[in-house]
Amino acid sequence: MVNIPRLSIIIIAMMVFGNVGMLHSQHTDVILDVNSGKLHYQIYGEGSPILIINGGPGMNSEGFKPLAEELSKTNSVILYDQRGTGLSTLHDINSVTITINAMAEDIEVLRCHLNIDQWTVLGHSFGGMLAYYYTAKYPEHVSALIQSSSGGLDLTIIERLDIRGSLSQTQRDSLDYYTRKISNGDTSYATAYNRGKFLAPAYVYNSTYIPIVAKRLTQGNRAINSLVWQDLRRIEFSTASFFKTFKKPVLILHGKDDVVGLSIPEHAHNLIPNSELVILENCKHYGWLDAKTAYFNAINTFTKNL
């Protein structure tokens, strides 16, 4: 087990709290000063703790605030920026500081700081892969697991994911155009947003949400993204052997039309003994947008029964 570094804590918050195994703040905003840089997190609501691990990799947690706010109606929700993203900063970004293990250790540092014995962990997309990894490493501190449009237990997603295949020819041509502009040095928000606008239809079923996802797609760090996938390949990422015998409850939520496909969540459901699979109709990669009622009903029912 990796030793957890001692923390020098900078708290920028609405209130200072002690034991937060049951959290009582309505909205707390905190930056931890850690050895490798800074780790930023927020807490919404009160009650039993749920950690949200956002997708990416290399993206901040900004787009997950609506999810945190909704879940905070019945629980305390911890939302954080993964290392090197958002307000979480690193002294250096390289193959040593950006690894799946380092990302899992950040989560454990956060849990220790909050003095939480066990929490429910919700991982979305790549965040689902990180949630699987963290849970396999620290199972005693995870009371339950929620997988939301997860990337899966292993690297199968690299072979199966075909984002462009779900786009029209016009969308692909427009995506290529703006991608070339970025590759040629155009770093403007407008160009990034326009690229996202033509990529977003792969991720949402309801076109109303394209602007939301397009904005989300401007928030990525390509260097971090590349380093994470490099590390996952290096370690031959797989948590399947661990989860064959994992007995705690696992909820797997997945859009029927998700670009990730159905074989990845079905494989996890068939492998994990105490798992429940919910397929969301008329839904792609963002369940809380395309299928809001069904998505939150499934989570609320799951957490009430813990």
Protein backbone atom coordinates (compact mmCIF):
# COMPACT_ATOMS: atom_id res chain seq x y z
CA MET A 1 0.00 0.00 0.00
CA VAL A 2 1.32 3.44 -0.93
CA ASN A 3 1.89 5.78 1.98
CA ILE A 4 -0.34 8.86 2.03
CA PRO A 5 1.69 12.08 2.27
CA ARG A 6 1.10 14.47 5.16
CA LEU A 7 -0.95 17.43 4.05
CA SER A 8 -0.40 21.11 4.44
CA ILE A 9 -3.97 22.31 4.11
CA ILE A 10 -5.14 25.58 2.64
CA ILE A 11 -8.87 25.92 3.14
CA ILE A 12 -10.88 28.35 1.08
CA ALA A 13 -14.34 27.62 2.36
CA MET A 14 -17.65 28.90 3.53
CA MET A 15 -17.14 27.06 6.78
CA VAL A 16 -14.48 25.00 8.57
CA PHE A 17 -15.48 21.54 9.66
CA GLY A 18 -14.02 18.67 11.63
CA ASN A 19 -15.32 15.13 11.23
CA VAL A 20 -17.27 15.00 8.00
CA GLY A 21 -18.18 11.33 7.85
CA MET A 22 -21.66 12.87 7.73
CA LEU A 23 -21.21 16.19 5.97
CA HIS A 24 -23.19 19.25 6.98
CA SER A 25 -22.19 22.09 4.66
CA GLN A 26 -24.44 23.29 1.86
CA HIS A 27 -21.54 24.22 -0.41
CA THR A 28 -17.90 24.09 0.57
CA ASP A 29 -15.02 25.01 -1.76
CA VAL A 30 -11.54 23.85 -0.75
CA ILE A 31 -8.01 23.67 -2.11
CA LEU A 32 -5.56 21.24 -0.50
CA ASP A 33 -1.86 22.02 -0.74
CA VAL A 34 -0.20 18.66 -1.41
CA ASN A 35 3.37 17.62 -2.20
CA SER A 36 2.83 17.45 -5.95
CA GLY A 37 0.72 20.58 -6.26
CA LYS A 38 -2.84 21.48 -5.29
CA LEU A 39 -6.05 19.47 -5.17
CA HIS A 40 -9.36 21.32 -5.48
CA TYR A 41 -12.73 19.96 -4.38
CA GLN A 42 -16.25 21.08 -3.55
CA ILE A 43 -18.93 19.64 -1.29
CA TYR A 44 -22.63 19.97 -1.99
CA GLY A 45 -25.48 19.15 0.40
CA GLU A 46 -25.46 16.92 3.44
CA GLY A 47 -25.92 13.25 4.30
CA SER A 48 -24.07 10.10 3.31
CA PRO A 49 -21.08 10.92 1.08
CA ILE A 50 -20.94 10.30 -2.66
CA LEU A 51 -17.72 11.00 -4.56
CA ILE A 52 -18.09 11.96 -8.23
CA ILE A 53 -15.19 11.15 -10.56
CA ASN A 54 -15.71 13.00 -13.82
CA GLY A 55 -14.84 11.80 -17.30
CA GLY A 56 -11.91 12.73 -19.48
CA PRO A 57 -9.13 12.05 -18.89
CA GLY A 58 -7.66 15.53 -18.73
CA MET A 59 -10.93 17.36 -18.11
CA ASN A 60 -12.01 19.45 -15.13
CA SER A 61 -15.15 18.85 -13.08
CA GLU A 62 -17.00 21.99 -14.20
CA GLY A 63 -19.56 20.16 -16.32
CA PHE A 64 -20.49 17.88 -13.43
CA LYS A 65 -21.81 20.58 -11.11
CA PRO A 66 -25.45 20.05 -12.21
CA LEU A 67 -25.05 16.34 -11.44
CA ALA A 68 -23.58 17.14 -8.02
CA GLU A 69 -26.33 19.63 -7.25
CA GLU A 70 -29.09 17.17 -8.11
CA LEU A 71 -27.56 14.33 -6.09
CA SER A 72 -27.00 16.69 -3.15
CA LYS A 73 -30.76 16.85 -2.59
CA THR A 74 -30.44 13.53 -0.75
CA ASN A 75 -26.70 13.12 -0.05
CA SER A 76 -23.51 15.02 0.50
CA VAL A 77 -21.61 15.06 -2.79
CA ILE A 78 -17.88 15.57 -3.20
CA LEU A 79 -16.78 16.85 -6.60
CA TYR A 80 -13.09 17.40 -7.34
CA ASP A 81 -10.77 18.43 -10.15
CA GLN A 82 -8.45 15.59 -11.14
CA ARG A 83 -4.73 16.34 -10.97
CA GLY A 84 -3.58 18.99 -13.40
CA THR A 85 -7.13 20.05 -14.35
CA GLY A 86 -9.31 22.96 -13.28
CA LEU A 87 -8.06 24.40 -9.99
CA SER A 88 -6.02 21.27 -9.22
CA THR A 89 -2.46 22.06 -10.27
CA LEU A 90 0.81 20.17 -10.54
CA HIS A 91 4.38 21.43 -10.38
CA ASP A 92 5.14 19.30 -13.44
CA ILE A 93 2.98 17.41 -15.92
CA ASN A 94 4.80 14.36 -17.22
CA SER A 95 4.70 10.56 -17.29
CA VAL A 96 5.67 10.40 -13.61
CA THR A 97 3.01 12.77 -12.25
CA ILE A 98 0.19 11.66 -14.57
CA THR A 99 -0.60 8.01 -13.86
CA ILE A 100 -3.75 6.13 -12.91
CA ASN A 101 -2.10 5.20 -9.62
CA ALA A 102 -1.30 8.82 -8.78
CA MET A 103 -4.90 9.75 -9.60
CA ALA A 104 -6.19 7.03 -7.27
CA GLU A 105 -3.86 8.26 -4.52
CA ASP A 106 -5.34 11.75 -4.87
CA ILE A 107 -8.75 10.26 -4.14
CA GLU A 108 -7.41 8.47 -1.08
CA VAL A 109 -5.71 11.67 0.13
CA LEU A 110 -9.06 13.42 -0.20
CA ARG A 111 -10.89 10.68 1.72
CA CYS A 112 -8.36 10.81 4.53
CA HIS A 113 -8.55 14.59 4.68
CA LEU A 114 -12.35 14.45 4.94
CA ASN A 115 -12.15 11.73 7.58
CA ILE A 116 -14.64 9.57 5.68
CA ASP A 117 -14.48 5.88 6.48
CA GLN A 118 -16.54 4.71 3.51
CA TRP A 119 -18.21 6.47 0.60
CA THR A 120 -20.19 5.65 -2.50
CA VAL A 121 -18.06 6.26 -5.59
CA LEU A 122 -19.70 7.40 -8.85
CA GLY A 123 -17.46 7.31 -11.90
CA HIS A 124 -18.51 8.59 -15.32
CA SER A 125 -16.86 7.53 -18.60
CA PHE A 126 -13.07 7.47 -17.96
CA GLY A 127 -14.01 8.31 -14.38
CA GLY A 128 -15.64 4.89 -14.24
CA MET A 129 -12.31 3.29 -15.09
CA LEU A 130 -10.62 5.32 -12.36
CA ALA A 131 -13.43 4.35 -9.96
CA TYR A 132 -12.83 0.67 -10.74
CA TYR A 133 -9.10 1.12 -10.13
CA TYR A 134 -9.53 3.06 -6.88
CA THR A 135 -12.08 0.55 -5.59
CA ALA A 136 -9.80 -2.39 -6.38
CA LYS A 137 -7.00 -0.67 -4.48
CA TYR A 138 -9.04 0.54 -1.49
CA PRO A 139 -12.13 -1.71 -1.34
CA GLU A 140 -12.49 -1.26 2.41
CA HIS A 141 -13.32 2.40 1.90
CA VAL A 142 -15.95 1.96 -0.82
CA SER A 143 -19.46 1.14 0.38
CA ALA A 144 -20.95 1.00 -3.12
CA LEU A 145 -20.04 1.81 -6.71
CA ILE A 146 -22.00 3.61 -9.43
CA GLN A 147 -20.75 3.28 -13.00
CA SER A 148 -22.18 5.94 -15.32
CA SER A 149 -21.48 5.36 -19.03
CA SER A 150 -18.28 3.76 -17.87
CA GLY A 151 -15.17 3.12 -19.94
CA GLY A 152 -15.08 -0.32 -18.37
CA LEU A 153 -13.02 -2.75 -16.37
CA ASP A 154 -10.14 -2.96 -18.84
CA LEU A 155 -8.86 -1.52 -22.13
CA THR A 156 -11.53 -3.03 -24.35
CA ILE A 157 -12.81 0.49 -25.01
CA ILE A 158 -9.69 1.25 -27.08
CA GLU A 159 -10.74 -1.42 -29.56
CA ARG A 160 -14.48 -0.76 -29.49
CA LEU A 161 -14.86 3.03 -29.36
CA ASP A 162 -15.80 4.58 -32.69
CA ILE A 163 -16.86 8.16 -32.03
CA ARG A 164 -16.73 9.32 -35.66
CA GLY A 165 -18.82 6.37 -36.80
CA SER A 166 -21.90 7.80 -35.09
CA LEU A 167 -21.59 11.14 -36.89
CA SER A 168 -23.00 12.18 -40.25
CA GLN A 169 -20.65 12.93 -43.14
CA THR A 170 -21.27 16.66 -42.73
CA GLN A 171 -20.47 16.45 -39.04
CA ARG A 172 -17.27 14.49 -39.74
CA ASP A 173 -16.14 16.96 -42.39
CA SER A 174 -16.79 19.92 -40.08
CA LEU A 175 -15.05 18.16 -37.22
CA ASP A 176 -12.01 17.58 -39.43
CA TYR A 177 -11.97 21.21 -40.48
CA TYR A 178 -11.87 22.58 -36.94
CA THR A 179 -9.45 19.88 -35.79
CA ARG A 180 -7.03 20.99 -38.52
CA LYS A 181 -7.38 24.61 -37.39
CA ILE A 182 -6.43 23.62 -33.85
CA SER A 183 -3.52 21.50 -35.09
CA ASN A 184 -2.29 24.52 -37.05
CA GLY A 185 -2.11 26.61 -33.92
CA ASP A 186 -5.59 28.13 -33.54
CA THR A 187 -6.16 27.99 -29.78
CA SER A 188 -9.21 30.28 -29.68
CA TYR A 189 -12.26 29.29 -27.68
CA ALA A 190 -14.48 29.81 -30.74
CA THR A 191 -12.60 27.20 -32.75
CA ALA A 192 -12.57 24.71 -29.87
CA TYR A 193 -16.29 25.25 -29.31
CA ASN A 194 -17.12 24.82 -32.99
CA ARG A 195 -15.14 21.59 -33.05
CA GLY A 196 -17.07 20.46 -29.97
CA LYS A 197 -20.36 21.40 -31.60
CA PHE A 198 -19.80 18.90 -34.40
CA LEU A 199 -18.46 16.21 -32.06
CA ALA A 200 -21.20 16.57 -29.43
CA PRO A 201 -23.89 14.66 -31.40
CA ALA A 202 -21.89 11.50 -30.72
CA TYR A 203 -22.47 12.02 -27.01
CA VAL A 204 -26.07 13.22 -26.67
CA TYR A 205 -29.28 11.81 -28.12
CA ASN A 206 -31.26 15.03 -27.67
CA SER A 207 -29.80 17.80 -29.87
CA THR A 208 -30.99 20.39 -27.34
CA TYR A 209 -27.96 19.50 -25.23
CA ILE A 210 -25.34 19.92 -27.96
CA PRO A 211 -24.25 23.40 -26.71
CA ILE A 212 -23.71 22.01 -23.19
CA VAL A 213 -21.55 19.15 -24.42
CA ALA A 214 -19.74 21.36 -26.94
CA LYS A 215 -18.70 23.65 -24.10
CA ARG A 216 -17.63 20.62 -22.07
CA LEU A 217 -15.42 19.46 -24.95
CA THR A 218 -13.44 22.71 -24.80
CA GLN A 219 -12.28 21.92 -21.26
CA GLY A 220 -9.81 19.15 -21.97
CA ASN A 221 -6.04 19.04 -21.62
CA ARG A 222 -4.66 16.96 -24.50
CA ALA A 223 -1.28 16.41 -22.87
CA ILE A 224 -2.86 14.90 -19.75
CA ASN A 225 -5.25 12.84 -21.84
CA SER A 226 -2.36 11.36 -23.82
CA LEU A 227 -0.28 10.64 -20.71
CA VAL A 228 -3.15 8.84 -18.98
CA TRP A 229 -3.82 6.54 -21.93
CA GLN A 230 -0.10 5.96 -22.25
CA ASP A 231 0.02 4.85 -18.62
CA LEU A 232 -3.07 2.63 -18.93
CA ARG A 233 -1.43 0.83 -21.83
CA ARG A 234 1.85 0.58 -19.96
CA ILE A 235 0.28 -1.18 -16.98
CA GLU A 236 -2.14 -3.18 -19.18
CA PHE A 237 -5.02 -1.79 -17.17
CA SER A 238 -7.53 -4.39 -16.01
CA THR A 239 -9.53 -4.74 -12.81
CA ALA A 240 -11.62 -7.69 -13.99
CA SER A 241 -9.95 -10.30 -11.78
CA PHE A 242 -10.63 -8.23 -8.65
CA PHE A 243 -14.28 -7.57 -9.43
CA LYS A 244 -15.09 -11.22 -10.01
CA THR A 245 -15.29 -11.55 -6.23
CA PHE A 246 -16.37 -8.02 -5.27
CA LYS A 247 -19.54 -8.43 -3.19
CA LYS A 248 -20.57 -4.84 -2.52
CA PRO A 249 -23.41 -3.33 -4.59
CA VAL A 250 -22.61 -1.91 -8.01
CA LEU A 251 -25.05 0.08 -10.17
CA ILE A 252 -24.21 0.27 -13.87
CA LEU A 253 -26.04 2.99 -15.82
CA HIS A 254 -25.65 3.12 -19.58
CA GLY A 255 -27.40 4.78 -22.50
CA LYS A 256 -28.85 2.39 -25.04
CA ASP A 257 -27.26 4.45 -27.82
CA ASP A 258 -24.06 5.31 -25.96
CA VAL A 259 -21.01 5.64 -28.20
CA VAL A 260 -19.22 3.28 -25.77
CA GLY A 261 -21.58 0.51 -26.82
CA LEU A 262 -23.43 -2.05 -24.72
CA SER A 263 -20.89 -4.87 -24.63
CA ILE A 264 -18.72 -3.06 -22.04
CA PRO A 265 -21.45 -2.55 -19.40
CA GLU A 266 -22.90 -5.99 -20.12
CA HIS A 267 -19.50 -7.58 -19.54
CA ALA A 268 -19.16 -5.77 -16.21
CA HIS A 269 -22.66 -6.79 -15.15
CA ASN A 270 -22.02 -10.44 -16.03
CA LEU A 271 -18.70 -10.41 -14.16
CA ILE A 272 -19.57 -8.50 -10.95
CA PRO A 273 -21.68 -10.65 -8.57
CA ASN A 274 -23.76 -7.94 -6.87
CA SER A 275 -24.35 -5.64 -9.84
CA GLU A 276 -27.45 -4.12 -11.41
CA LEU A 277 -27.50 -2.95 -15.03
CA VAL A 278 -29.90 -0.18 -16.08
CA ILE A 279 -30.09 0.60 -19.80
CA LEU A 280 -31.46 4.09 -20.46
CA GLU A 281 -33.70 4.48 -23.50
CA ASN A 282 -33.20 7.37 -25.98
CA CYS A 283 -29.88 8.11 -24.31
CA LYS A 284 -26.25 8.32 -25.33
CA HIS A 285 -23.28 9.20 -23.10
CA TYR A 286 -24.83 11.73 -20.69
CA GLY A 287 -27.65 10.03 -18.83
CA TRP A 288 -28.45 13.00 -16.59
CA LEU A 289 -29.16 15.03 -19.74
CA ASP A 290 -30.84 12.61 -22.15
CA ALA A 291 -32.69 10.51 -19.56
CA LYS A 292 -32.74 12.69 -16.46
CA THR A 293 -35.73 11.14 -14.69
CA ALA A 294 -34.72 7.52 -15.24
CA TYR A 295 -31.08 8.27 -14.43
CA PHE A 296 -31.71 9.92 -11.07
CA ASN A 297 -34.53 7.54 -10.13
CA ALA A 298 -32.11 4.64 -10.55
CA ILE A 299 -29.44 6.32 -8.42
CA ASN A 300 -31.87 7.40 -5.70
CA THR A 301 -33.38 3.91 -5.45
CA PHE A 302 -29.92 2.38 -5.33
CA THR A 303 -28.57 4.69 -2.63
CA LYS A 304 -31.71 4.40 -0.47
CA ASN A 305 -31.22 0.66 -0.29
CA LEU A 306 -27.58 0.81 0.82
